[in-house]
Amino acid sequence: MREVPFDPENDDLMQRLRNVPIFDSLPESHIREAMRAASIRRYEAGETIINEGEYDEQVFFLIFGKLAIQAGDVHVGTLQRLGDVFGEMGIIDDSPRSATITAERTSLVISLDKKAIGKLGDSSKIFTQAVMYRIFAEVLAVRLREANCAIIRLEDELCKLRGK
């Protein structure tokens, strides 16, 4: 893994962020302020980004690449869209990582560290935390809807197996 600080004055990087659906409704000045606590990480195929069961205080935004999600021995998903967010639950409740995330091909992510956010000035810190929680709420709402659909499908299958 290679890591460099995110440069909020880099217009090319900022343009990429404006294309991320989660950031597209935010003013550029707010995005620039939040990204002062960020870094850019490049992972090569096979490198692990998050290890299931470990603790850390980072949330990630996928810029490009393809990442595999594995819980236990089960492949549970893939991240490959610009702006896919992962690692947010550990930031919210300080819980251990619930899955392992591994790069399937060269991938670039933005990493936002909870400790770095805490080092921002008071107004920047409060604003950045508000932005992050808004993003987390949107992501978790989508995942809850997806989980509800999966539960309904599984209940239908169970009813069919029981002959009901």
N, C-alpha and C. Protein backbone atom coordinates (compact mmCIF):
# COMPACT_ATOMS: atom_id res chain seq x y z
N MET A 1 0.85 -1.17 0.00
CA MET A 1 0.00 0.00 0.00
C MET A 1 0.90 1.24 0.00
N ARG A 2 0.52 2.18 -0.84
CA ARG A 2 1.20 3.47 -0.87
C ARG A 2 0.21 4.52 -0.42
N GLU A 3 0.64 5.46 0.43
CA GLU A 3 -0.26 6.47 0.99
C GLU A 3 0.37 7.85 0.87
N VAL A 4 -0.46 8.81 0.44
CA VAL A 4 -0.04 10.20 0.40
C VAL A 4 -1.18 11.05 0.96
N PRO A 5 -0.86 12.18 1.57
CA PRO A 5 -1.94 13.05 2.06
C PRO A 5 -2.81 13.53 0.90
N PHE A 6 -4.10 13.67 1.16
CA PHE A 6 -5.00 14.24 0.16
C PHE A 6 -4.74 15.73 0.09
N ASP A 7 -4.58 16.25 -1.11
CA ASP A 7 -4.35 17.69 -1.29
C ASP A 7 -5.63 18.34 -1.76
N PRO A 8 -6.38 19.00 -0.85
CA PRO A 8 -7.65 19.61 -1.25
C PRO A 8 -7.49 20.76 -2.24
N GLU A 9 -6.26 21.18 -2.50
CA GLU A 9 -6.04 22.23 -3.51
C GLU A 9 -5.82 21.64 -4.90
N ASN A 10 -5.76 20.31 -5.00
CA ASN A 10 -5.58 19.64 -6.28
C ASN A 10 -6.93 19.58 -7.00
N ASP A 11 -7.08 20.40 -8.04
CA ASP A 11 -8.36 20.51 -8.74
C ASP A 11 -8.78 19.21 -9.42
N ASP A 12 -7.81 18.42 -9.89
CA ASP A 12 -8.15 17.14 -10.52
C ASP A 12 -8.80 16.20 -9.50
N LEU A 13 -8.21 16.11 -8.31
CA LEU A 13 -8.79 15.27 -7.25
C LEU A 13 -10.17 15.77 -6.84
N MET A 14 -10.30 17.08 -6.73
CA MET A 14 -11.58 17.65 -6.34
C MET A 14 -12.65 17.37 -7.40
N GLN A 15 -12.27 17.39 -8.67
CA GLN A 15 -13.23 17.07 -9.74
C GLN A 15 -13.71 15.63 -9.60
N ARG A 16 -12.80 14.72 -9.29
CA ARG A 16 -13.20 13.32 -9.08
C ARG A 16 -14.20 13.22 -7.91
N LEU A 17 -13.92 13.95 -6.84
CA LEU A 17 -14.81 13.90 -5.68
C LEU A 17 -16.19 14.47 -6.01
N ARG A 18 -16.24 15.50 -6.83
CA ARG A 18 -17.54 16.07 -7.21
C ARG A 18 -18.37 15.06 -8.00
N ASN A 19 -17.70 14.07 -8.61
CA ASN A 19 -18.41 13.03 -9.35
C ASN A 19 -18.88 11.88 -8.46
N VAL A 20 -18.46 11.88 -7.20
CA VAL A 20 -18.90 10.86 -6.25
C VAL A 20 -20.31 11.24 -5.79
N PRO A 21 -21.29 10.35 -6.00
CA PRO A 21 -22.68 10.70 -5.67
C PRO A 21 -22.88 11.23 -4.25
N ILE A 22 -22.15 10.72 -3.29
CA ILE A 22 -22.33 11.15 -1.91
C ILE A 22 -21.89 12.61 -1.72
N PHE A 23 -20.91 13.05 -2.51
CA PHE A 23 -20.40 14.41 -2.36
C PHE A 23 -21.02 15.41 -3.33
N ASP A 24 -21.78 14.93 -4.33
CA ASP A 24 -22.20 15.83 -5.40
C ASP A 24 -23.12 16.97 -4.96
N SER A 25 -23.79 16.83 -3.83
CA SER A 25 -24.69 17.90 -3.39
C SER A 25 -24.04 18.87 -2.41
N LEU A 26 -22.78 18.63 -2.07
CA LEU A 26 -22.08 19.48 -1.10
C LEU A 26 -21.32 20.59 -1.81
N PRO A 27 -21.26 21.77 -1.19
CA PRO A 27 -20.43 22.83 -1.76
C PRO A 27 -18.96 22.41 -1.76
N GLU A 28 -18.24 22.84 -2.77
CA GLU A 28 -16.83 22.46 -2.90
C GLU A 28 -16.02 22.87 -1.68
N SER A 29 -16.32 24.02 -1.11
CA SER A 29 -15.56 24.48 0.07
C SER A 29 -15.72 23.50 1.23
N HIS A 30 -16.89 22.91 1.37
CA HIS A 30 -17.12 21.94 2.44
C HIS A 30 -16.36 20.64 2.18
N ILE A 31 -16.34 20.23 0.92
CA ILE A 31 -15.60 19.01 0.57
C ILE A 31 -14.11 19.23 0.84
N ARG A 32 -13.60 20.38 0.41
CA ARG A 32 -12.17 20.68 0.62
C ARG A 32 -11.82 20.64 2.11
N GLU A 33 -12.69 21.20 2.94
CA GLU A 33 -12.43 21.23 4.38
C GLU A 33 -12.41 19.82 4.96
N ALA A 34 -13.39 19.01 4.59
CA ALA A 34 -13.45 17.63 5.10
C ALA A 34 -12.24 16.82 4.67
N MET A 35 -11.74 17.06 3.46
CA MET A 35 -10.65 16.27 2.92
C MET A 35 -9.28 16.64 3.51
N ARG A 36 -9.24 17.67 4.35
CA ARG A 36 -7.98 18.00 5.02
C ARG A 36 -7.57 16.89 6.00
N ALA A 37 -8.51 16.04 6.37
CA ALA A 37 -8.22 14.92 7.28
C ALA A 37 -8.07 13.60 6.52
N ALA A 38 -7.90 13.69 5.20
CA ALA A 38 -7.89 12.48 4.36
C ALA A 38 -6.52 12.20 3.79
N SER A 39 -6.37 10.95 3.34
CA SER A 39 -5.18 10.57 2.58
C SER A 39 -5.65 9.71 1.41
N ILE A 40 -4.78 9.56 0.44
CA ILE A 40 -5.06 8.72 -0.73
C ILE A 40 -4.20 7.48 -0.60
N ARG A 41 -4.82 6.33 -0.78
CA ARG A 41 -4.10 5.06 -0.68
C ARG A 41 -4.26 4.27 -1.97
N ARG A 42 -3.16 3.69 -2.38
CA ARG A 42 -3.17 2.83 -3.57
C ARG A 42 -2.85 1.41 -3.12
N TYR A 43 -3.72 0.48 -3.49
CA TYR A 43 -3.53 -0.93 -3.16
C TYR A 43 -3.38 -1.72 -4.44
N GLU A 44 -2.46 -2.66 -4.42
CA GLU A 44 -2.28 -3.56 -5.56
C GLU A 44 -3.13 -4.81 -5.36
N ALA A 45 -3.39 -5.53 -6.44
CA ALA A 45 -4.19 -6.76 -6.37
C ALA A 45 -3.64 -7.67 -5.28
N GLY A 46 -4.53 -8.18 -4.45
CA GLY A 46 -4.16 -9.10 -3.37
C GLY A 46 -3.90 -8.43 -2.04
N GLU A 47 -3.72 -7.12 -2.03
CA GLU A 47 -3.47 -6.42 -0.76
C GLU A 47 -4.76 -6.27 0.03
N THR A 48 -4.65 -6.46 1.34
CA THR A 48 -5.80 -6.32 2.24
C THR A 48 -5.88 -4.89 2.74
N ILE A 49 -7.10 -4.34 2.70
CA ILE A 49 -7.34 -2.98 3.16
C ILE A 49 -7.87 -3.00 4.59
N ILE A 50 -8.81 -3.90 4.84
CA ILE A 50 -9.41 -4.07 6.17
C ILE A 50 -9.39 -5.55 6.52
N ASN A 51 -9.03 -5.87 7.75
CA ASN A 51 -9.05 -7.25 8.24
C ASN A 51 -10.21 -7.45 9.20
N GLU A 52 -11.02 -8.45 8.93
CA GLU A 52 -12.14 -8.79 9.80
C GLU A 52 -11.63 -9.00 11.23
N GLY A 53 -12.34 -8.43 12.20
CA GLY A 53 -12.00 -8.60 13.60
C GLY A 53 -11.04 -7.56 14.16
N GLU A 54 -10.36 -6.83 13.28
CA GLU A 54 -9.42 -5.81 13.76
C GLU A 54 -10.15 -4.49 14.01
N TYR A 55 -9.50 -3.63 14.76
CA TYR A 55 -10.03 -2.31 15.07
C TYR A 55 -9.19 -1.25 14.35
N ASP A 56 -9.85 -0.27 13.79
CA ASP A 56 -9.18 0.93 13.33
C ASP A 56 -10.24 2.02 13.25
N GLU A 57 -9.82 3.21 12.92
CA GLU A 57 -10.75 4.34 12.92
C GLU A 57 -10.75 5.04 11.59
N GLN A 58 -10.94 4.27 10.51
CA GLN A 58 -10.91 4.84 9.18
C GLN A 58 -12.14 4.45 8.38
N VAL A 59 -12.56 5.37 7.55
CA VAL A 59 -13.61 5.12 6.58
C VAL A 59 -12.98 5.36 5.21
N PHE A 60 -13.44 4.62 4.22
CA PHE A 60 -12.83 4.66 2.89
C PHE A 60 -13.87 4.97 1.82
N PHE A 61 -13.41 5.66 0.77
CA PHE A 61 -14.22 5.95 -0.41
C PHE A 61 -13.44 5.44 -1.61
N LEU A 62 -14.06 4.56 -2.39
CA LEU A 62 -13.39 4.00 -3.56
C LEU A 62 -13.37 5.02 -4.69
N ILE A 63 -12.21 5.25 -5.25
CA ILE A 63 -12.06 6.13 -6.41
C ILE A 63 -12.03 5.29 -7.68
N PHE A 64 -11.21 4.26 -7.70
CA PHE A 64 -11.28 3.29 -8.80
C PHE A 64 -10.70 1.98 -8.31
N GLY A 65 -11.05 0.90 -9.03
CA GLY A 65 -10.57 -0.42 -8.69
C GLY A 65 -11.71 -1.38 -8.45
N LYS A 66 -11.35 -2.52 -7.88
CA LYS A 66 -12.32 -3.56 -7.57
C LYS A 66 -11.89 -4.23 -6.28
N LEU A 67 -12.82 -4.26 -5.31
CA LEU A 67 -12.51 -4.78 -3.98
C LEU A 67 -13.46 -5.93 -3.65
N ALA A 68 -12.93 -6.97 -3.04
CA ALA A 68 -13.73 -8.11 -2.61
C ALA A 68 -14.04 -7.97 -1.12
N ILE A 69 -15.27 -8.30 -0.76
CA ILE A 69 -15.71 -8.28 0.65
C ILE A 69 -15.92 -9.73 1.07
N GLN A 70 -15.26 -10.11 2.16
CA GLN A 70 -15.38 -11.47 2.65
C GLN A 70 -15.63 -11.45 4.16
N ALA A 71 -16.68 -12.16 4.58
CA ALA A 71 -16.99 -12.32 6.01
C ALA A 71 -16.81 -13.79 6.34
N GLY A 72 -15.89 -14.09 7.24
CA GLY A 72 -15.56 -15.49 7.49
C GLY A 72 -14.98 -16.08 6.21
N ASP A 73 -15.53 -17.20 5.79
CA ASP A 73 -15.07 -17.84 4.55
C ASP A 73 -15.99 -17.55 3.37
N VAL A 74 -16.92 -16.61 3.54
CA VAL A 74 -17.93 -16.35 2.53
C VAL A 74 -17.67 -15.03 1.81
N HIS A 75 -17.63 -15.09 0.48
CA HIS A 75 -17.55 -13.87 -0.33
C HIS A 75 -18.94 -13.24 -0.31
N VAL A 76 -19.04 -12.02 0.24
CA VAL A 76 -20.36 -11.40 0.40
C VAL A 76 -20.62 -10.23 -0.54
N GLY A 77 -19.61 -9.83 -1.29
CA GLY A 77 -19.86 -8.74 -2.22
C GLY A 77 -18.60 -8.19 -2.85
N THR A 78 -18.84 -7.22 -3.73
CA THR A 78 -17.78 -6.56 -4.45
C THR A 78 -18.05 -5.06 -4.46
N LEU A 79 -17.02 -4.28 -4.31
CA LEU A 79 -17.11 -2.83 -4.45
C LEU A 79 -16.33 -2.44 -5.69
N GLN A 80 -16.96 -1.68 -6.59
CA GLN A 80 -16.25 -1.27 -7.79
C GLN A 80 -16.78 0.02 -8.40
N ARG A 81 -17.73 0.67 -7.72
CA ARG A 81 -18.28 1.92 -8.23
C ARG A 81 -17.58 3.12 -7.59
N LEU A 82 -17.38 4.15 -8.36
CA LEU A 82 -16.84 5.40 -7.84
C LEU A 82 -17.68 5.85 -6.66
N GLY A 83 -17.02 6.07 -5.52
CA GLY A 83 -17.73 6.55 -4.34
C GLY A 83 -18.23 5.48 -3.40
N ASP A 84 -18.08 4.19 -3.75
CA ASP A 84 -18.49 3.15 -2.81
C ASP A 84 -17.79 3.41 -1.47
N VAL A 85 -18.57 3.35 -0.40
CA VAL A 85 -18.07 3.64 0.95
C VAL A 85 -17.94 2.34 1.72
N PHE A 86 -16.86 2.20 2.47
CA PHE A 86 -16.71 1.03 3.33
C PHE A 86 -15.90 1.41 4.56
N GLY A 87 -16.12 0.66 5.63
CA GLY A 87 -15.42 0.93 6.88
C GLY A 87 -16.14 1.88 7.80
N GLU A 88 -17.34 2.31 7.41
CA GLU A 88 -18.04 3.34 8.18
C GLU A 88 -18.58 2.84 9.52
N MET A 89 -18.93 1.58 9.63
CA MET A 89 -19.53 1.10 10.88
C MET A 89 -18.55 1.17 12.04
N GLY A 90 -17.27 0.88 11.80
CA GLY A 90 -16.28 0.97 12.86
C GLY A 90 -16.08 2.39 13.37
N ILE A 91 -16.29 3.37 12.51
CA ILE A 91 -16.19 4.77 12.91
C ILE A 91 -17.37 5.14 13.80
N ILE A 92 -18.54 4.62 13.46
CA ILE A 92 -19.76 4.99 14.18
C ILE A 92 -19.78 4.40 15.59
N ASP A 93 -19.49 3.10 15.71
CA ASP A 93 -19.66 2.47 17.01
C ASP A 93 -18.39 1.84 17.59
N ASP A 94 -17.24 2.14 17.00
CA ASP A 94 -15.96 1.62 17.50
C ASP A 94 -15.93 0.10 17.61
N SER A 95 -16.66 -0.57 16.73
CA SER A 95 -16.70 -2.03 16.74
C SER A 95 -15.58 -2.59 15.87
N PRO A 96 -15.26 -3.88 16.08
CA PRO A 96 -14.24 -4.48 15.20
C PRO A 96 -14.79 -4.61 13.78
N ARG A 97 -13.91 -4.71 12.83
CA ARG A 97 -14.31 -4.86 11.43
C ARG A 97 -15.11 -6.14 11.25
N SER A 98 -16.21 -6.04 10.51
CA SER A 98 -17.10 -7.19 10.32
C SER A 98 -16.78 -7.99 9.07
N ALA A 99 -15.84 -7.52 8.27
CA ALA A 99 -15.46 -8.23 7.05
C ALA A 99 -14.04 -7.85 6.67
N THR A 100 -13.47 -8.65 5.78
CA THR A 100 -12.16 -8.36 5.21
C THR A 100 -12.38 -7.78 3.83
N ILE A 101 -11.68 -6.70 3.52
CA ILE A 101 -11.76 -6.07 2.20
C ILE A 101 -10.39 -6.20 1.55
N THR A 102 -10.37 -6.79 0.35
CA THR A 102 -9.12 -7.04 -0.36
C THR A 102 -9.22 -6.48 -1.78
N ALA A 103 -8.13 -5.89 -2.26
CA ALA A 103 -8.10 -5.39 -3.63
C ALA A 103 -8.01 -6.57 -4.59
N GLU A 104 -8.94 -6.62 -5.56
CA GLU A 104 -8.87 -7.65 -6.60
C GLU A 104 -8.01 -7.19 -7.77
N ARG A 105 -7.90 -5.88 -7.92
CA ARG A 105 -7.00 -5.28 -8.91
C ARG A 105 -6.52 -3.96 -8.33
N THR A 106 -5.59 -3.31 -8.98
CA THR A 106 -5.09 -2.03 -8.48
C THR A 106 -6.27 -1.12 -8.17
N SER A 107 -6.25 -0.55 -6.96
CA SER A 107 -7.38 0.26 -6.50
C SER A 107 -6.87 1.49 -5.79
N LEU A 108 -7.62 2.57 -5.94
CA LEU A 108 -7.30 3.83 -5.29
C LEU A 108 -8.47 4.20 -4.39
N VAL A 109 -8.17 4.49 -3.12
CA VAL A 109 -9.21 4.86 -2.16
C VAL A 109 -8.79 6.13 -1.42
N ILE A 110 -9.80 6.85 -0.96
CA ILE A 110 -9.57 7.96 -0.05
C ILE A 110 -9.85 7.42 1.34
N SER A 111 -8.92 7.65 2.25
CA SER A 111 -9.05 7.21 3.63
C SER A 111 -9.23 8.43 4.52
N LEU A 112 -10.30 8.40 5.31
CA LEU A 112 -10.55 9.48 6.27
C LEU A 112 -10.39 8.89 7.66
N ASP A 113 -9.50 9.44 8.44
CA ASP A 113 -9.17 8.93 9.76
C ASP A 113 -9.89 9.73 10.84
N LYS A 114 -10.54 9.02 11.75
CA LYS A 114 -11.28 9.67 12.84
C LYS A 114 -10.36 10.56 13.68
N LYS A 115 -9.14 10.11 13.94
CA LYS A 115 -8.20 10.91 14.73
C LYS A 115 -7.81 12.18 14.00
N ALA A 116 -7.62 12.09 12.69
CA ALA A 116 -7.26 13.28 11.91
C ALA A 116 -8.41 14.28 11.90
N ILE A 117 -9.64 13.79 11.85
CA ILE A 117 -10.80 14.68 11.91
C ILE A 117 -10.79 15.42 13.25
N GLY A 118 -10.44 14.71 14.31
CA GLY A 118 -10.40 15.30 15.65
C GLY A 118 -9.36 16.40 15.79
N LYS A 119 -8.35 16.41 14.92
CA LYS A 119 -7.29 17.41 14.98
C LYS A 119 -7.62 18.68 14.20
N LEU A 120 -8.73 18.64 13.43
CA LEU A 120 -9.12 19.85 12.70
C LEU A 120 -9.58 20.90 13.69
N GLY A 121 -9.62 22.15 13.27
CA GLY A 121 -10.16 23.21 14.12
C GLY A 121 -11.61 22.93 14.47
N ASP A 122 -12.11 23.54 15.53
CA ASP A 122 -13.45 23.23 16.03
C ASP A 122 -14.54 23.30 14.97
N SER A 123 -14.62 24.40 14.22
CA SER A 123 -15.69 24.52 13.24
C SER A 123 -15.50 23.52 12.11
N SER A 124 -14.26 23.30 11.67
CA SER A 124 -14.00 22.31 10.62
C SER A 124 -14.32 20.90 11.11
N LYS A 125 -13.94 20.63 12.35
CA LYS A 125 -14.20 19.31 12.92
C LYS A 125 -15.70 19.03 12.99
N ILE A 126 -16.46 19.98 13.50
CA ILE A 126 -17.91 19.80 13.62
C ILE A 126 -18.54 19.63 12.25
N PHE A 127 -18.14 20.46 11.29
CA PHE A 127 -18.70 20.36 9.95
C PHE A 127 -18.35 19.01 9.32
N THR A 128 -17.09 18.61 9.41
CA THR A 128 -16.65 17.34 8.81
C THR A 128 -17.40 16.17 9.44
N GLN A 129 -17.57 16.18 10.75
CA GLN A 129 -18.32 15.11 11.40
C GLN A 129 -19.77 15.09 10.91
N ALA A 130 -20.38 16.26 10.74
CA ALA A 130 -21.75 16.32 10.25
C ALA A 130 -21.85 15.75 8.83
N VAL A 131 -20.90 16.10 7.98
CA VAL A 131 -20.88 15.58 6.62
C VAL A 131 -20.73 14.06 6.64
N MET A 132 -19.81 13.57 7.46
CA MET A 132 -19.58 12.13 7.52
C MET A 132 -20.82 11.38 8.01
N TYR A 133 -21.47 11.90 9.04
CA TYR A 133 -22.66 11.21 9.54
C TYR A 133 -23.80 11.25 8.53
N ARG A 134 -23.89 12.32 7.75
CA ARG A 134 -24.90 12.36 6.69
C ARG A 134 -24.60 11.27 5.66
N ILE A 135 -23.33 11.17 5.27
CA ILE A 135 -22.93 10.13 4.32
C ILE A 135 -23.22 8.75 4.89
N PHE A 136 -22.84 8.53 6.16
CA PHE A 136 -23.08 7.23 6.78
C PHE A 136 -24.56 6.90 6.80
N ALA A 137 -25.40 7.87 7.12
CA ALA A 137 -26.84 7.64 7.17
C ALA A 137 -27.36 7.21 5.80
N GLU A 138 -26.90 7.86 4.74
CA GLU A 138 -27.33 7.50 3.40
C GLU A 138 -26.88 6.08 3.04
N VAL A 139 -25.62 5.77 3.33
CA VAL A 139 -25.09 4.45 3.02
C VAL A 139 -25.83 3.37 3.79
N LEU A 140 -26.03 3.59 5.08
CA LEU A 140 -26.69 2.58 5.90
C LEU A 140 -28.16 2.42 5.52
N ALA A 141 -28.81 3.49 5.07
CA ALA A 141 -30.20 3.37 4.62
C ALA A 141 -30.28 2.48 3.37
N VAL A 142 -29.35 2.66 2.45
CA VAL A 142 -29.32 1.81 1.25
C VAL A 142 -29.08 0.36 1.64
N ARG A 143 -28.12 0.14 2.53
CA ARG A 143 -27.81 -1.24 2.94
C ARG A 143 -28.97 -1.87 3.70
N LEU A 144 -29.69 -1.10 4.49
CA LEU A 144 -30.85 -1.62 5.21
C LEU A 144 -31.94 -2.02 4.22
N ARG A 145 -32.18 -1.19 3.21
CA ARG A 145 -33.18 -1.55 2.18
C ARG A 145 -32.78 -2.85 1.48
N GLU A 146 -31.50 -2.97 1.13
CA GLU A 146 -31.02 -4.18 0.47
C GLU A 146 -31.18 -5.39 1.38
N ALA A 147 -30.88 -5.24 2.66
CA ALA A 147 -31.03 -6.34 3.62
C ALA A 147 -32.50 -6.72 3.76
N ASN A 148 -33.39 -5.74 3.80
CA ASN A 148 -34.82 -6.04 3.89
C ASN A 148 -35.30 -6.83 2.67
N CYS A 149 -34.84 -6.45 1.48
CA CYS A 149 -35.21 -7.19 0.27
C CYS A 149 -34.70 -8.62 0.33
N ALA A 150 -33.47 -8.79 0.82
CA ALA A 150 -32.90 -10.14 0.93
C ALA A 150 -33.70 -10.97 1.94
N ILE A 151 -34.11 -10.37 3.03
CA ILE A 151 -34.91 -11.09 4.03
C ILE A 151 -36.24 -11.53 3.43
N ILE A 152 -36.89 -10.67 2.70
CA ILE A 152 -38.16 -11.01 2.05
C ILE A 152 -37.97 -12.15 1.07
N ARG A 153 -36.93 -12.10 0.24
CA ARG A 153 -36.65 -13.19 -0.71
C ARG A 153 -36.41 -14.50 0.02
N LEU A 154 -35.63 -14.45 1.10
CA LEU A 154 -35.34 -15.66 1.86
C LEU A 154 -36.59 -16.22 2.54
N GLU A 155 -37.44 -15.35 3.05
CA GLU A 155 -38.69 -15.81 3.65
C GLU A 155 -39.61 -16.45 2.62
N ASP A 156 -39.66 -15.88 1.41
CA ASP A 156 -40.44 -16.48 0.32
C ASP A 156 -39.91 -17.86 -0.03
N GLU A 157 -38.58 -17.99 -0.13
CA GLU A 157 -37.98 -19.29 -0.43
C GLU A 157 -38.27 -20.30 0.67
N LEU A 158 -38.20 -19.87 1.91
CA LEU A 158 -38.47 -20.75 3.04
C LEU A 158 -39.92 -21.22 3.01
N CYS A 159 -40.85 -20.34 2.71
CA CYS A 159 -42.26 -20.70 2.62
C CYS A 159 -42.47 -21.72 1.51
N LYS A 160 -41.81 -21.53 0.38
CA LYS A 160 -41.93 -22.49 -0.74
C LYS A 160 -41.38 -23.85 -0.35
N LEU A 161 -40.27 -23.86 0.38
CA LEU A 161 -39.68 -25.13 0.81
C LEU A 161 -40.58 -25.85 1.81
N ARG A 162 -41.29 -25.08 2.60
CA ARG A 162 -42.21 -25.66 3.59
C ARG A 162 -43.55 -26.03 2.97
N GLY A 163 -43.75 -25.63 1.71
CA GLY A 163 -45.00 -25.95 1.01
C GLY A 163 -46.14 -25.03 1.37
N LYS A 164 -45.86 -23.84 1.80
CA LYS A 164 -46.91 -22.88 2.19
C LYS A 164 -47.18 -21.91 1.07
